[in-house]
N, C-alpha and C. Protein backbone atom coordinates (compact mmCIF):
# COMPACT_ATOMS: atom_id res chain seq x y z
N UNK A 1 96.18 87.57 85.65
CA UNK A 1 97.14 87.96 85.76
C UNK A 1 98.36 88.79 84.82
N UNK A 2 98.18 88.79 83.61
CA UNK A 2 98.55 88.84 82.56
C UNK A 2 98.22 90.05 81.87
N UNK A 3 96.79 90.77 82.89
CA UNK A 3 96.39 92.18 81.93
C UNK A 3 96.97 92.89 82.72
N UNK A 4 97.33 93.86 81.51
CA UNK A 4 97.78 94.80 82.51
C UNK A 4 97.68 95.38 84.15
N UNK A 5 95.89 95.71 83.37
CA UNK A 5 94.91 96.37 85.12
C UNK A 5 95.43 95.03 86.59
N UNK A 6 95.88 94.50 86.10
CA UNK A 6 96.51 93.31 86.67
C UNK A 6 97.71 93.80 87.65
N UNK A 7 98.72 93.53 86.34
CA UNK A 7 100.40 93.57 86.55
C UNK A 7 100.51 95.14 87.63
N UNK A 8 98.97 95.94 87.38
CA UNK A 8 99.42 96.91 88.27
C UNK A 8 99.19 96.71 89.20
N UNK A 9 98.11 96.32 89.67
CA UNK A 9 97.86 95.82 91.11
C UNK A 9 99.20 95.17 91.50
N UNK A 10 99.56 94.13 91.15
CA UNK A 10 100.84 92.90 91.41
C UNK A 10 101.82 94.20 92.09
N UNK A 11 102.22 95.30 90.81
CA UNK A 11 103.60 95.79 91.18
C UNK A 11 103.62 96.64 93.05
N UNK A 12 102.10 97.20 92.66
CA UNK A 12 101.69 98.15 93.92
C UNK A 12 101.77 97.08 94.82
N UNK A 13 101.75 96.24 94.75
CA UNK A 13 101.63 95.85 96.12
C UNK A 13 102.51 95.29 96.90
N UNK A 14 103.44 94.21 95.44
CA UNK A 14 104.92 93.39 95.88
C UNK A 14 106.11 94.43 96.13
N UNK A 15 106.11 95.47 95.26
CA UNK A 15 106.87 96.55 94.94
C UNK A 15 107.69 95.35 93.69
N UNK A 16 107.33 94.69 93.12
CA UNK A 16 108.21 93.78 92.76
C UNK A 16 108.69 94.42 90.78
N UNK A 17 109.30 94.80 90.47
CA UNK A 17 108.41 94.45 88.85
C UNK A 17 108.17 92.47 87.99
N UNK A 18 107.55 92.80 87.30
CA UNK A 18 106.69 92.06 86.30
C UNK A 18 107.70 92.10 84.98
N UNK A 19 107.66 90.70 84.55
CA UNK A 19 107.90 91.04 83.25
C UNK A 19 107.39 90.78 82.25
N UNK A 20 106.05 91.56 82.33
CA UNK A 20 104.89 92.30 81.21
C UNK A 20 105.31 93.02 80.91
N UNK A 21 105.46 93.12 79.66
CA UNK A 21 105.12 94.48 78.29
C UNK A 21 104.49 95.53 78.67
N UNK A 22 104.71 96.98 78.97
CA UNK A 22 102.98 97.80 79.50
C UNK A 22 103.29 98.14 80.91
N UNK A 23 103.47 96.57 81.92
CA UNK A 23 104.36 97.50 83.42
C UNK A 23 105.10 98.98 83.89
N UNK A 24 106.33 98.46 82.41
CA UNK A 24 107.16 99.57 83.53
C UNK A 24 107.07 100.60 83.68
N UNK A 25 105.67 101.62 83.39
CA UNK A 25 105.71 102.92 83.87
C UNK A 25 105.12 102.56 84.95
N UNK A 26 104.34 101.97 85.25
CA UNK A 26 103.94 100.74 87.09
C UNK A 26 104.49 101.06 87.98
N UNK A 27 106.38 100.69 87.61
CA UNK A 27 107.10 100.13 88.32
C UNK A 27 107.96 101.51 88.23
N UNK A 28 107.88 102.02 87.66
CA UNK A 28 108.59 103.30 87.81
C UNK A 28 107.85 104.71 88.71
N UNK A 29 107.16 104.50 87.92
CA UNK A 29 106.71 105.48 89.41
C UNK A 29 106.22 104.95 90.85
N UNK A 30 106.46 103.61 90.96
CA UNK A 30 106.49 103.26 92.23
C UNK A 30 107.80 103.77 92.82
N UNK A 31 108.78 103.08 92.06
CA UNK A 31 109.75 103.17 93.10
C UNK A 31 110.78 104.90 92.35
N UNK A 32 110.31 106.30 92.02
CA UNK A 32 110.41 106.89 91.82
C UNK A 32 111.08 107.72 92.65
N UNK A 33 111.30 107.63 94.03
CA UNK A 33 112.04 108.04 95.91
C UNK A 33 113.05 107.35 94.63
N UNK A 34 112.94 106.19 94.95
CA UNK A 34 114.30 104.81 94.65
C UNK A 34 115.22 105.23 93.12
N UNK A 35 115.22 106.37 92.38
CA UNK A 35 116.41 106.12 91.46
C UNK A 35 116.96 104.33 91.53
N UNK A 36 117.67 104.51 92.88
CA UNK A 36 118.28 103.46 92.37
C UNK A 36 117.98 101.40 92.21
N UNK A 37 116.45 101.49 92.54
CA UNK A 37 116.38 100.70 92.54
C UNK A 37 115.93 99.59 90.37
N UNK A 38 116.36 101.77 89.40
CA UNK A 38 115.89 101.50 88.19
C UNK A 38 116.83 100.18 87.58
N UNK A 39 116.54 98.99 86.75
CA UNK A 39 117.31 98.22 86.42
C UNK A 39 117.20 98.65 84.90
N UNK A 40 118.23 98.65 83.88
CA UNK A 40 117.78 99.19 82.20
C UNK A 40 118.29 97.55 81.86
N UNK A 41 117.95 97.73 80.43
CA UNK A 41 118.60 97.02 79.83
C UNK A 41 120.56 96.45 79.78
N UNK A 42 120.66 97.75 79.51
CA UNK A 42 122.29 97.88 79.90
C UNK A 42 122.87 97.10 81.46
N UNK A 43 121.95 97.80 81.73
CA UNK A 43 122.37 96.09 83.41
C UNK A 43 122.14 94.94 83.08
N UNK A 44 121.57 94.79 83.26
CA UNK A 44 121.26 93.69 82.96
C UNK A 44 122.80 92.72 81.64
N UNK A 45 123.08 93.51 80.93
CA UNK A 45 122.90 93.51 79.45
C UNK A 45 124.94 93.57 79.48
N UNK A 46 125.38 93.97 81.11
CA UNK A 46 126.65 93.95 80.83
C UNK A 46 126.29 93.30 82.89
N UNK A 47 126.34 91.86 82.93
CA UNK A 47 126.15 91.41 84.42
C UNK A 47 125.91 91.88 85.88
N UNK A 48 125.82 93.34 85.69
CA UNK A 48 125.54 93.84 86.78
C UNK A 48 124.89 93.09 87.68
N UNK A 49 125.63 92.80 88.69
CA UNK A 49 124.50 93.05 90.37
C UNK A 49 124.99 93.45 90.94
N UNK A 50 123.46 93.65 92.02
CA UNK A 50 123.86 95.03 93.39
C UNK A 50 124.43 93.44 94.31
N UNK A 51 124.47 94.66 95.41
CA UNK A 51 125.01 94.33 97.38
C UNK A 51 124.39 95.46 97.84
N UNK A 52 124.43 94.52 98.82
CA UNK A 52 123.78 96.22 100.06
C UNK A 52 125.13 96.06 100.65
N UNK A 53 126.64 97.16 100.55
CA UNK A 53 127.57 97.33 101.04
C UNK A 53 129.08 95.84 101.14
N UNK A 54 129.49 95.10 102.50
CA UNK A 54 130.27 94.38 101.71
C UNK A 54 129.38 92.83 102.52
N UNK A 55 130.51 92.46 102.69
CA UNK A 55 130.11 90.76 102.52
C UNK A 55 129.95 90.62 103.60
N UNK A 56 129.87 90.89 104.89
CA UNK A 56 129.53 90.86 106.52
C UNK A 56 128.70 91.73 106.07
N UNK A 57 128.07 93.24 106.13
CA UNK A 57 127.18 93.33 105.79
C UNK A 57 125.87 92.93 105.39
N UNK A 58 126.46 91.47 104.02
CA UNK A 58 125.55 90.79 103.47
C UNK A 58 124.85 89.85 104.48
N UNK A 59 126.13 88.96 105.13
CA UNK A 59 125.55 88.08 105.60
C UNK A 59 124.78 88.61 107.37
N UNK A 60 125.04 90.01 107.48
CA UNK A 60 123.67 90.43 109.03
C UNK A 60 122.80 90.34 107.55
N UNK A 61 122.41 91.01 106.77
CA UNK A 61 121.58 91.05 106.27
C UNK A 61 120.78 90.13 106.19
N UNK A 62 121.80 88.90 105.63
CA UNK A 62 120.99 87.57 105.21
C UNK A 62 120.83 87.51 107.26
N UNK A 63 120.86 87.73 108.12
CA UNK A 63 120.90 86.52 108.94
C UNK A 63 119.69 87.18 110.16
N UNK A 64 119.52 88.02 109.92
CA UNK A 64 118.20 89.32 109.83
C UNK A 64 116.81 88.31 108.93
N UNK A 65 117.25 88.66 107.53
CA UNK A 65 115.89 87.81 106.84
C UNK A 65 115.27 86.81 107.27
N UNK A 66 116.62 86.32 107.60
CA UNK A 66 116.46 84.12 108.44
C UNK A 66 115.51 84.24 109.37
N UNK A 67 115.12 85.14 110.29
CA UNK A 67 114.98 86.03 112.01
C UNK A 67 113.74 86.23 111.56
N UNK A 68 113.23 86.68 110.58
CA UNK A 68 112.32 87.17 110.23
C UNK A 68 111.69 86.10 109.22
N UNK A 69 111.78 85.06 108.65
CA UNK A 69 110.54 84.31 107.91
C UNK A 69 110.86 83.25 109.03
N UNK A 70 111.95 83.08 109.83
CA UNK A 70 111.69 82.07 111.00
C UNK A 70 110.51 82.61 112.22
N UNK A 71 110.51 83.23 112.07
CA UNK A 71 108.88 84.20 113.46
C UNK A 71 108.13 84.00 112.86
């Protein structure tokens, strides 16, 4: 699972970065059209987190996700 060729396949399949050295370029290429998906070490150091709009918007998103998972 942790070999670079396997990490690349997983990142491309799930679209989520894996904490494996050497997979950064694969993820960066995958999200190139969506630069907001890139998280830097500075972002993590500053304890930043990302929200999808307002608290009400997040509740709607969470409810929709619950429906998808329950279906």
